[in-house]
Amino acid sequence: MKHKKPLKDRLALVTGASRGIGRAAALALAEAGAHVILVARTIGALEELDDEIRRVGSKATLLQLDLTKGDRIDQLGPTIYQRWGKLDILVGNAGILGPLSPLPHVTEDAWSQVIDINLSANWRLLRTLDPLLKRSDAGRVIFVTSGAATGKYAYWGPYAVSKAGLEALAKTYGNEVKSSDIHVNLVNPGPVRTVMRAKAFPGENPETLPAPQELAPLFVELASPSCDFSGRIINFADWKKEHTESES
């Protein structure tokens, strides 16, 4: 008996797909039947993921892209349009931690890099991909945010500001496309076993944290045409608890 493919014949683009949450989400979308455009700065890890996707019977397109290069992001929309004519799913996952230091000590270059990658790149993605998402019968946009967006953590300035801006960006876009078939949501992963988490909390035992793969079903759910809500921030811990309770 074949597994159901809720994303069969759908086209997805995932940024930061080479490792961590982005990699897990991309593989899960592929397993669910989507053709995934894998975006990352380095091609080597994407090639390994491509091999995995082929093993589960799906296909991917590899795209080496530095998200600080705005002109290259701007070319994405026309390029995808020429080849596929639409885009069904956008997962804006790529992000960097930046410096963990008092705000007065943050350099201009470090500030600009975090804002460029975590916030401005996602605005550019929306700008170039919006016409393609509107050509989908069920466009789905998923961004990855953080509890740091509240500003409650001292010394997390650039990262916190970039994620707060990302939440406002996503909600604003969601309201602008409310009358269309596009739904926009955010995922707050919480503590997850990633390289970024290890950098931020070097003394933490990663084995005590959920693996990125555990978040994968949430991304598939939000990417599916059956997802009927928009404008929400879904906390992974709450989502997992609800699903565990419903299954028991």
C-alpha atoms as a PDB file:
ATOM      1  CA  MET A   1       0.000   0.000   0.000  1.00  0.00           C
ATOM      2  CA  LYS A   2       1.430   3.369  -1.036  1.00  0.00           C
ATOM      3  CA  HIS A   3       1.624   6.224   1.430  1.00  0.00           C
ATOM      4  CA  LYS A   4      -0.636   9.182   0.739  1.00  0.00           C
ATOM      5  CA  LYS A   5       1.169  12.132  -0.848  1.00  0.00           C
ATOM      6  CA  PRO A   6      -0.626  15.304   0.302  1.00  0.00           C
ATOM      7  CA  LEU A   7       1.776  17.512  -1.695  1.00  0.00           C
ATOM      8  CA  LYS A   8       1.801  15.509  -4.924  1.00  0.00           C
ATOM      9  CA  ASP A   9       2.591  17.682  -7.977  1.00  0.00           C
ATOM     10  CA  ARG A  10       3.177  20.776  -5.842  1.00  0.00           C
ATOM     11  CA  LEU A  11       6.254  23.003  -6.125  1.00  0.00           C
ATOM     12  CA  ALA A  12       8.052  24.189  -2.991  1.00  0.00           C
ATOM     13  CA  LEU A  13      11.040  26.449  -2.356  1.00  0.00           C
ATOM     14  CA  VAL A  14      12.979  26.091   0.911  1.00  0.00           C
ATOM     15  CA  THR A  15      15.758  28.452   1.984  1.00  0.00           C
ATOM     16  CA  GLY A  16      18.484  27.275   4.337  1.00  0.00           C
ATOM     17  CA  ALA A  17      17.857  23.743   3.089  1.00  0.00           C
ATOM     18  CA  SER A  18      21.378  22.397   3.589  1.00  0.00           C
ATOM     19  CA  ARG A  19      21.072  21.582   7.305  1.00  0.00           C
ATOM     20  CA  GLY A  20      18.963  21.710  10.443  1.00  0.00           C
ATOM     21  CA  ILE A  21      15.280  22.603  10.284  1.00  0.00           C
ATOM     22  CA  GLY A  22      15.414  23.636   6.616  1.00  0.00           C
ATOM     23  CA  ARG A  23      16.882  20.301   5.584  1.00  0.00           C
ATOM     24  CA  ALA A  24      14.317  18.351   7.603  1.00  0.00           C
ATOM     25  CA  ALA A  25      11.450  20.418   6.193  1.00  0.00           C
ATOM     26  CA  ALA A  26      12.679  20.062   2.607  1.00  0.00           C
ATOM     27  CA  LEU A  27      13.018  16.283   2.898  1.00  0.00           C
ATOM     28  CA  ALA A  28       9.555  15.987   4.464  1.00  0.00           C
ATOM     29  CA  LEU A  29       7.962  18.098   1.722  1.00  0.00           C
ATOM     30  CA  ALA A  30       9.641  15.889  -0.873  1.00  0.00           C
ATOM     31  CA  GLU A  31       8.476  12.717   0.869  1.00  0.00           C
ATOM     32  CA  ALA A  32       4.955  14.189   0.794  1.00  0.00           C
ATOM     33  CA  GLY A  33       5.216  14.439  -3.000  1.00  0.00           C
ATOM     34  CA  ALA A  34       6.441  17.980  -3.663  1.00  0.00           C
ATOM     35  CA  HIS A  35       9.176  18.942  -6.096  1.00  0.00           C
ATOM     36  CA  VAL A  36      11.470  21.045  -3.891  1.00  0.00           C
ATOM     37  CA  ILE A  37      13.764  23.870  -4.947  1.00  0.00           C
ATOM     38  CA  LEU A  38      16.595  23.581  -2.411  1.00  0.00           C
ATOM     39  CA  VAL A  39      18.279  26.892  -1.608  1.00  0.00           C
ATOM     40  CA  ALA A  40      21.517  27.308   0.368  1.00  0.00           C
ATOM     41  CA  ARG A  41      24.890  29.051   0.196  1.00  0.00           C
ATOM     42  CA  THR A  42      26.856  25.822  -0.293  1.00  0.00           C
ATOM     43  CA  ILE A  43      26.063  23.197  -2.901  1.00  0.00           C
ATOM     44  CA  GLY A  44      27.765  20.164  -1.325  1.00  0.00           C
ATOM     45  CA  ALA A  45      25.212  19.568   1.438  1.00  0.00           C
ATOM     46  CA  LEU A  46      22.395  20.157  -1.033  1.00  0.00           C
ATOM     47  CA  GLU A  47      23.744  17.383  -3.245  1.00  0.00           C
ATOM     48  CA  GLU A  48      23.608  14.977  -0.300  1.00  0.00           C
ATOM     49  CA  LEU A  49      20.014  16.007   0.393  1.00  0.00           C
ATOM     50  CA  ASP A  50      19.189  15.611  -3.288  1.00  0.00           C
ATOM     51  CA  ASP A  51      20.392  12.004  -3.096  1.00  0.00           C
ATOM     52  CA  GLU A  52      18.091  11.389  -0.121  1.00  0.00           C
ATOM     53  CA  ILE A  53      15.147  12.943  -1.934  1.00  0.00           C
ATOM     54  CA  ARG A  54      15.755  10.712  -4.950  1.00  0.00           C
ATOM     55  CA  ARG A  55      15.794   7.681  -2.671  1.00  0.00           C
ATOM     56  CA  VAL A  56      12.264   8.497  -1.476  1.00  0.00           C
ATOM     57  CA  GLY A  57      11.093   8.735  -5.078  1.00  0.00           C
ATOM     58  CA  SER A  58      10.898  12.534  -5.413  1.00  0.00           C
ATOM     59  CA  LYS A  59      12.878  15.163  -7.295  1.00  0.00           C
ATOM     60  CA  ALA A  60      14.571  18.396  -6.343  1.00  0.00           C
ATOM     61  CA  THR A  61      16.217  21.377  -7.996  1.00  0.00           C
ATOM     62  CA  LEU A  62      19.410  22.688  -6.390  1.00  0.00           C
ATOM     63  CA  LEU A  63      20.025  26.425  -6.165  1.00  0.00           C
ATOM     64  CA  GLN A  64      23.197  27.893  -4.687  1.00  0.00           C
ATOM     65  CA  LEU A  65      22.219  31.357  -3.467  1.00  0.00           C
ATOM     66  CA  ASP A  66      23.704  33.881  -1.064  1.00  0.00           C
ATOM     67  CA  LEU A  67      20.721  35.684   0.456  1.00  0.00           C
ATOM     68  CA  THR A  68      22.750  38.870   0.884  1.00  0.00           C
ATOM     69  CA  LYS A  69      22.756  39.186  -2.918  1.00  0.00           C
ATOM     70  CA  GLY A  70      19.470  40.993  -3.429  1.00  0.00           C
ATOM     71  CA  ASP A  71      19.716  41.117  -7.213  1.00  0.00           C
ATOM     72  CA  ARG A  72      19.971  37.324  -7.364  1.00  0.00           C
ATOM     73  CA  ILE A  73      16.908  36.897  -5.163  1.00  0.00           C
ATOM     74  CA  ASP A  74      15.030  39.255  -7.483  1.00  0.00           C
ATOM     75  CA  GLN A  75      15.754  36.912 -10.406  1.00  0.00           C
ATOM     76  CA  LEU A  76      14.056  33.959  -8.705  1.00  0.00           C
ATOM     77  CA  GLY A  77      10.497  34.882  -9.645  1.00  0.00           C
ATOM     78  CA  PRO A  78      11.078  35.259 -13.389  1.00  0.00           C
ATOM     79  CA  THR A  79      13.275  32.129 -13.455  1.00  0.00           C
ATOM     80  CA  ILE A  80      10.694  29.949 -11.696  1.00  0.00           C
ATOM     81  CA  TYR A  81       7.910  31.404 -13.834  1.00  0.00           C
ATOM     82  CA  GLN A  82       9.705  30.471 -17.053  1.00  0.00           C
ATOM     83  CA  ARG A  83      10.175  26.870 -15.918  1.00  0.00           C
ATOM     84  CA  TRP A  84       7.075  26.085 -13.849  1.00  0.00           C
ATOM     85  CA  GLY A  85       4.662  29.012 -14.165  1.00  0.00           C
ATOM     86  CA  LYS A  86       3.763  29.075 -10.456  1.00  0.00           C
ATOM     87  CA  LEU A  87       4.942  28.340  -6.911  1.00  0.00           C
ATOM     88  CA  ASP A  88       2.814  26.527  -4.330  1.00  0.00           C
ATOM     89  CA  ILE A  89       4.952  26.639  -1.187  1.00  0.00           C
ATOM     90  CA  LEU A  90       7.588  29.024   0.196  1.00  0.00           C
ATOM     91  CA  VAL A  91       9.488  28.075   3.349  1.00  0.00           C
ATOM     92  CA  GLY A  92      11.622  31.013   4.494  1.00  0.00           C
ATOM     93  CA  ASN A  93      13.883  29.232   6.949  1.00  0.00           C
ATOM     94  CA  ALA A  94      17.394  30.572   6.344  1.00  0.00           C
ATOM     95  CA  GLY A  95      18.784  32.715   9.131  1.00  0.00           C
ATOM     96  CA  ILE A  96      21.895  33.565  11.105  1.00  0.00           C
ATOM     97  CA  LEU A  97      22.381  34.178  14.810  1.00  0.00           C
ATOM     98  CA  GLY A  98      24.737  37.134  14.591  1.00  0.00           C
ATOM     99  CA  PRO A  99      26.632  38.498  17.586  1.00  0.00           C
ATOM    100  CA  LEU A 100      25.396  37.898  21.124  1.00  0.00           C
ATOM    101  CA  SER A 101      26.564  41.090  22.768  1.00  0.00           C
ATOM    102  CA  PRO A 102      25.258  44.400  24.161  1.00  0.00           C
ATOM    103  CA  LEU A 103      23.594  46.499  21.470  1.00  0.00           C
ATOM    104  CA  PRO A 104      26.139  49.360  21.767  1.00  0.00           C
ATOM    105  CA  HIS A 105      28.910  46.848  20.971  1.00  0.00           C
ATOM    106  CA  VAL A 106      27.334  45.479  17.779  1.00  0.00           C
ATOM    107  CA  THR A 107      29.214  46.613  14.670  1.00  0.00           C
ATOM    108  CA  GLU A 108      27.382  48.113  11.712  1.00  0.00           C
ATOM    109  CA  ASP A 109      28.494  45.243   9.466  1.00  0.00           C
ATOM    110  CA  ALA A 110      27.246  42.580  11.880  1.00  0.00           C
ATOM    111  CA  TRP A 111      23.903  44.377  12.327  1.00  0.00           C
ATOM    112  CA  SER A 112      23.405  44.765   8.580  1.00  0.00           C
ATOM    113  CA  GLN A 113      24.238  41.130   7.846  1.00  0.00           C
ATOM    114  CA  VAL A 114      21.669  39.778  10.327  1.00  0.00           C
ATOM    115  CA  ILE A 115      18.936  42.144   9.126  1.00  0.00           C
ATOM    116  CA  ASP A 116      19.782  41.467   5.460  1.00  0.00           C
ATOM    117  CA  ILE A 117      19.580  37.673   5.776  1.00  0.00           C
ATOM    118  CA  ASN A 118      16.872  37.235   8.410  1.00  0.00           C
ATOM    119  CA  LEU A 119      14.523  40.011   7.322  1.00  0.00           C
ATOM    120  CA  SER A 120      15.283  41.838   4.078  1.00  0.00           C
ATOM    121  CA  ALA A 121      15.926  38.632   2.113  1.00  0.00           C
ATOM    122  CA  ASN A 122      12.472  37.365   3.082  1.00  0.00           C
ATOM    123  CA  TRP A 123      10.880  40.627   1.934  1.00  0.00           C
ATOM    124  CA  ARG A 124      12.690  40.232  -1.390  1.00  0.00           C
ATOM    125  CA  LEU A 125      11.501  36.621  -1.651  1.00  0.00           C
ATOM    126  CA  LEU A 126       7.901  37.716  -1.127  1.00  0.00           C
ATOM    127  CA  ARG A 127       8.285  40.518  -3.646  1.00  0.00           C
ATOM    128  CA  THR A 128       9.632  38.301  -6.422  1.00  0.00           C
ATOM    129  CA  LEU A 129       7.519  35.210  -5.649  1.00  0.00           C
ATOM    130  CA  ASP A 130       4.161  36.864  -4.898  1.00  0.00           C
ATOM    131  CA  PRO A 131       2.910  36.664  -8.532  1.00  0.00           C
ATOM    132  CA  LEU A 132       3.806  32.947  -8.621  1.00  0.00           C
ATOM    133  CA  LEU A 133       2.127  32.180  -5.294  1.00  0.00           C
ATOM    134  CA  LYS A 134      -1.016  33.894  -6.601  1.00  0.00           C
ATOM    135  CA  ARG A 135      -1.023  31.519  -9.569  1.00  0.00           C
ATOM    136  CA  SER A 136      -1.263  28.555  -7.175  1.00  0.00           C
ATOM    137  CA  ASP A 137      -4.665  27.191  -6.157  1.00  0.00           C
ATOM    138  CA  ALA A 138      -3.392  27.030  -2.560  1.00  0.00           C
ATOM    139  CA  GLY A 139      -0.271  29.132  -2.025  1.00  0.00           C
ATOM    140  CA  ARG A 140       1.362  28.471   1.325  1.00  0.00           C
ATOM    141  CA  VAL A 141       4.050  30.652   2.954  1.00  0.00           C
ATOM    142  CA  ILE A 142       5.865  29.506   6.101  1.00  0.00           C
ATOM    143  CA  PHE A 143       8.484  31.544   7.927  1.00  0.00           C
ATOM    144  CA  VAL A 144      10.614  30.440  10.875  1.00  0.00           C
ATOM    145  CA  THR A 145      10.637  32.808  13.830  1.00  0.00           C
ATOM    146  CA  SER A 146      11.903  32.607  17.419  1.00  0.00           C
ATOM    147  CA  GLY A 147      10.886  33.334  20.988  1.00  0.00           C
ATOM    148  CA  ALA A 148      13.690  35.906  20.903  1.00  0.00           C
ATOM    149  CA  ALA A 149      11.395  38.134  18.801  1.00  0.00           C
ATOM    150  CA  THR A 150       9.783  39.363  22.039  1.00  0.00           C
ATOM    151  CA  GLY A 151      13.009  41.118  22.995  1.00  0.00           C
ATOM    152  CA  LYS A 152      13.058  39.390  26.380  1.00  0.00           C
ATOM    153  CA  TYR A 153      16.635  38.136  26.048  1.00  0.00           C
ATOM    154  CA  ALA A 154      19.470  40.557  26.764  1.00  0.00           C
ATOM    155  CA  TYR A 155      22.352  40.567  24.258  1.00  0.00           C
ATOM    156  CA  TRP A 156      20.311  38.997  21.423  1.00  0.00           C
ATOM    157  CA  GLY A 157      19.653  42.406  19.798  1.00  0.00           C
ATOM    158  CA  PRO A 158      20.207  41.931  16.025  1.00  0.00           C
ATOM    159  CA  TYR A 159      18.635  38.460  15.964  1.00  0.00           C
ATOM    160  CA  ALA A 160      15.666  39.514  18.114  1.00  0.00           C
ATOM    161  CA  VAL A 161      14.978  42.609  16.021  1.00  0.00           C
ATOM    162  CA  SER A 162      15.240  40.652  12.768  1.00  0.00           C
ATOM    163  CA  LYS A 163      12.741  38.043  13.971  1.00  0.00           C
ATOM    164  CA  ALA A 164      10.330  40.664  15.319  1.00  0.00           C
ATOM    165  CA  GLY A 165      10.501  42.335  11.922  1.00  0.00           C
ATOM    166  CA  LEU A 166       9.948  38.994  10.190  1.00  0.00           C
ATOM    167  CA  GLU A 167       6.794  38.378  12.225  1.00  0.00           C
ATOM    168  CA  ALA A 168       5.447  41.808  11.244  1.00  0.00           C
ATOM    169  CA  LEU A 169       6.417  41.175   7.617  1.00  0.00           C
ATOM    170  CA  ALA A 170       4.599  37.834   7.511  1.00  0.00           C
ATOM    171  CA  LYS A 171       1.463  39.104   9.215  1.00  0.00           C
ATOM    172  CA  THR A 172       1.324  42.197   6.998  1.00  0.00           C
ATOM    173  CA  TYR A 173       1.669  40.106   3.843  1.00  0.00           C
ATOM    174  CA  GLY A 174      -0.924  37.659   5.172  1.00  0.00           C
ATOM    175  CA  ASN A 175      -3.410  40.499   5.590  1.00  0.00           C
ATOM    176  CA  GLU A 176      -2.628  41.848   2.129  1.00  0.00           C
ATOM    177  CA  VAL A 177      -3.413  38.492   0.479  1.00  0.00           C
ATOM    178  CA  LYS A 178      -6.361  37.629   2.743  1.00  0.00           C
ATOM    179  CA  SER A 179      -8.797  37.581  -0.184  1.00  0.00           C
ATOM    180  CA  SER A 180      -6.566  35.225  -2.203  1.00  0.00           C
ATOM    181  CA  ASP A 181      -5.777  31.502  -1.881  1.00  0.00           C
ATOM    182  CA  ILE A 182      -2.489  32.262  -0.088  1.00  0.00           C
ATOM    183  CA  HIS A 183      -2.082  31.418   3.600  1.00  0.00           C
ATOM    184  CA  VAL A 184       0.858  32.770   5.605  1.00  0.00           C
ATOM    185  CA  ASN A 185       2.009  31.328   8.922  1.00  0.00           C
ATOM    186  CA  LEU A 186       5.080  31.300  11.155  1.00  0.00           C
ATOM    187  CA  VAL A 187       6.706  28.457  13.080  1.00  0.00           C
ATOM    188  CA  ASN A 188       8.444  29.078  16.403  1.00  0.00           C
ATOM    189  CA  PRO A 189      10.570  25.914  16.794  1.00  0.00           C
ATOM    190  CA  GLY A 190      11.707  26.560  20.354  1.00  0.00           C
ATOM    191  CA  PRO A 191      14.909  24.779  21.443  1.00  0.00           C
ATOM    192  CA  VAL A 192      15.961  22.357  18.681  1.00  0.00           C
ATOM    193  CA  ARG A 193      19.143  20.374  18.088  1.00  0.00           C
ATOM    194  CA  THR A 194      20.762  22.651  15.486  1.00  0.00           C
ATOM    195  CA  VAL A 195      24.161  24.226  14.845  1.00  0.00           C
ATOM    196  CA  MET A 196      22.737  27.671  15.618  1.00  0.00           C
ATOM    197  CA  ARG A 197      21.381  26.474  18.963  1.00  0.00           C
ATOM    198  CA  ALA A 198      24.758  24.943  19.861  1.00  0.00           C
ATOM    199  CA  LYS A 199      26.461  28.240  19.053  1.00  0.00           C
ATOM    200  CA  ALA A 200      24.057  30.176  21.263  1.00  0.00           C
ATOM    201  CA  PHE A 201      24.141  27.668  24.144  1.00  0.00           C
ATOM    202  CA  PRO A 202      27.510  25.883  23.965  1.00  0.00           C
ATOM    203  CA  GLY A 203      27.139  24.251  27.387  1.00  0.00           C
ATOM    204  CA  GLU A 204      23.792  22.639  26.569  1.00  0.00           C
ATOM    205  CA  ASN A 205      23.493  18.900  25.950  1.00  0.00           C
ATOM    206  CA  PRO A 206      21.987  18.645  22.437  1.00  0.00           C
ATOM    207  CA  GLU A 207      20.649  15.166  23.179  1.00  0.00           C
ATOM    208  CA  THR A 208      18.091  16.766  25.511  1.00  0.00           C
ATOM    209  CA  LEU A 209      16.563  18.705  22.594  1.00  0.00           C
ATOM    210  CA  PRO A 210      14.171  17.631  19.823  1.00  0.00           C
ATOM    211  CA  ALA A 211      15.839  16.751  16.517  1.00  0.00           C
ATOM    212  CA  PRO A 212      14.937  18.910  13.488  1.00  0.00           C
ATOM    213  CA  GLN A 213      13.112  15.943  11.928  1.00  0.00           C
ATOM    214  CA  GLU A 214      10.512  16.118  14.686  1.00  0.00           C
ATOM    215  CA  LEU A 215       9.297  19.449  13.277  1.00  0.00           C
ATOM    216  CA  ALA A 216       8.935  18.085   9.741  1.00  0.00           C
ATOM    217  CA  PRO A 217       5.269  16.992   9.984  1.00  0.00           C
ATOM    218  CA  LEU A 218       4.302  20.522  11.096  1.00  0.00           C
ATOM    219  CA  PHE A 219       5.798  21.994   7.913  1.00  0.00           C
ATOM    220  CA  VAL A 220       3.949  19.452   5.768  1.00  0.00           C
ATOM    221  CA  GLU A 221       0.684  20.321   7.540  1.00  0.00           C
ATOM    222  CA  LEU A 222       1.157  24.071   6.993  1.00  0.00           C
ATOM    223  CA  ALA A 223       2.213  23.538   3.367  1.00  0.00           C
ATOM    224  CA  SER A 224      -0.794  21.401   2.489  1.00  0.00           C
ATOM    225  CA  PRO A 225      -3.807  22.743   0.563  1.00  0.00           C
ATOM    226  CA  SER A 226      -5.925  21.446   3.455  1.00  0.00           C
ATOM    227  CA  CYS A 227      -4.363  23.987   5.861  1.00  0.00           C
ATOM    228  CA  ASP A 228      -7.280  26.370   6.396  1.00  0.00           C
ATOM    229  CA  PHE A 229      -5.810  29.062   8.655  1.00  0.00           C
ATOM    230  CA  SER A 230      -3.470  32.011   8.176  1.00  0.00           C
ATOM    231  CA  GLY A 231      -1.670  34.648  10.214  1.00  0.00           C
ATOM    232  CA  ARG A 232      -0.689  32.396  13.107  1.00  0.00           C
ATOM    233  CA  ILE A 233       2.547  31.766  14.987  1.00  0.00           C
ATOM    234  CA  ILE A 234       2.630  28.058  15.771  1.00  0.00           C
ATOM    235  CA  ASN A 235       4.812  27.065  18.711  1.00  0.00           C
ATOM    236  CA  PHE A 236       6.201  23.610  18.018  1.00  0.00           C
ATOM    237  CA  ALA A 237       5.950  22.506  21.651  1.00  0.00           C
ATOM    238  CA  ASP A 238       2.234  23.401  21.767  1.00  0.00           C
ATOM    239  CA  TRP A 239       1.583  21.760  18.390  1.00  0.00           C
ATOM    240  CA  LYS A 240       3.376  18.592  19.470  1.00  0.00           C
ATOM    241  CA  LYS A 241       1.429  18.466  22.724  1.00  0.00           C
ATOM    242  CA  GLU A 242      -1.902  18.842  20.911  1.00  0.00           C
ATOM    243  CA  HIS A 243      -1.043  16.109  18.414  1.00  0.00           C
ATOM    244  CA  THR A 244       0.219  13.773  21.130  1.00  0.00           C
ATOM    245  CA  GLU A 245      -3.000  14.232  23.101  1.00  0.00           C
ATOM    246  CA  SER A 246      -5.195  13.721  20.028  1.00  0.00           C
ATOM    247  CA  GLU A 247      -3.403  10.470  19.206  1.00  0.00           C
ATOM    248  CA  SER A 248      -3.675   9.065  22.730  1.00  0.00           C
END
